[in-house]
Amino acid sequence: MSEPAQDWGGPLAGLRVIDLTRVLAGPLAAQFLGDLGAEILKVEPPGKGDETRGFAPFVGGESHYFVGLNRGKRSLVLDLRKPEGADILRQLVATADALIENFRPGVMDRLGLGAEVLMALNPRLIYCAISGFGLTGPLRDKPSFDIVTQALTGVLSVNGQAGGAPVKLGLPIGDMSGGIFGAIAILSALHERTATGRGRLIDVSLYDGTMSLLGYLSQLAFLTGQDPQPMGSAHPSVVPYDGFPASDGTIIIACLADGFWPKLCNALGRPEMGTDPRFTTMALRRERRAEIEPWISAITATRTVAEWQELLEAHDVPHAPVLGVNAALSHPHAQAREMVVTVDHPAAGPLRVLGRPIKFPGERQAPLEPPPVLGQHTAEVLRRELGLSEERIEELRRSGVIDATLSAARPAS
């Protein structure tokens, strides 16, 4: 396939999203939409901006956390508690396609900027409210963060080693579920709007999103009436599907289909086990887990991870070494898929960031832009979108409606 002659803005090019979010779930949802070509106007409060701008360590004065969730956005500083700041937001909303906020339910209403008010100004507006527990229910007004979500949805209870204490997932899956489902919800509402011409209020909660990811574990609980238990890296239904000891580390082996069992037995040097009637189906192997897994471990412990990679590759058995994050980011496949790209940050200089997770063969999307420094685009947007003069912008600075300066540099650490 030949390379396109010029960059393409993406399928959401021309759409404008007002991003009132902070920390993780909301910024992630907006970042996904930005990856797809939408213009993201990130509105931050004066002073410190998004709380994560203060999360160490820093590079060029910018937080690693903020950088990871806000690439390609435009940063505007507005004090929404001041009437003039709220009025500027209302003017921006009048021509926006979507707005995302992740305050606790009721906060936007108290500012006079709730869904009912803003959608009356712009009936085409898609208003996405992301919160810990949603807009309804007995936990509606409770504070929530990722570990709280994992605990209340049962996710934390099934993670960790068998017989050990519950352990939260290393990835903040509770927060990330809000970002992923928030983006999906907005895309579906955009599609609906092409037919109806009207926007929609969307209610996304970290609680609902994370619980929906229980998948087959929920069905296991419904079926047996028992709680699924933590099993380390093992699978409750599939054997073998786990990490096995090598002489210098761990090799992952994942036989998620009966056809891989004889291939694995050949790779292990025990082809007769592949046709043994005691082990030929998934259900039989599950019943004999305590026999099969120690047998495999005894064999895998005799070779290195690299040797097992070569053997398992030759026999077409799904496998992987356990990579650290740096090794994963530098893997040739990550490079080939452009999952790590370099952007030129205005404060930090050349900066590596994650690439877009969605690809469009036959199109070359415009290069990713860096995350913004605080207030970097305030004056630009006020000039372009609202036609404000330099004198008016200076008045807003003096009155504290917008930030007087860009974010103060922080020492790198």
Foldseek 3Di string as FASTA:
>chain_A
DDADPDADQAPQAPAEEEQAEADFQRLQLQVLVVQRRYAYEYEFEPDQTHPQQPPDFDFLQGHPRLQFRFWQYHFFYFHLQDPVRVVVVLLVLLPHQEYEYEDQPPPCVVSVRDPVNSCVSPQNYAYEYEYAPKPDDPCRRPHDFLVRLCVVLLNQQQADAFPDDGDDDPDSQLSNLSSVVSNVVSVVQVVVCVVVVGYDYHIHHSNVSVNVVCPVQVVVCVVPVDHNGHHHQCDQQAPPAGWAAALAATKGFHDPALVQQLLVCVLLVRNVVNPPVQCRDSNSCSVVVVPPRVVVNVSRHHHHNVVSVVSCVVSVTDMDGDDDPVCVCPPPVVVVVQQWDWEQAPRNGTDIYGHNPDDDPPHHHDDIHTRHWHNPCNVVCCCVSVVDDPVVVVVCCVVSRTPVDTDDRDDRD
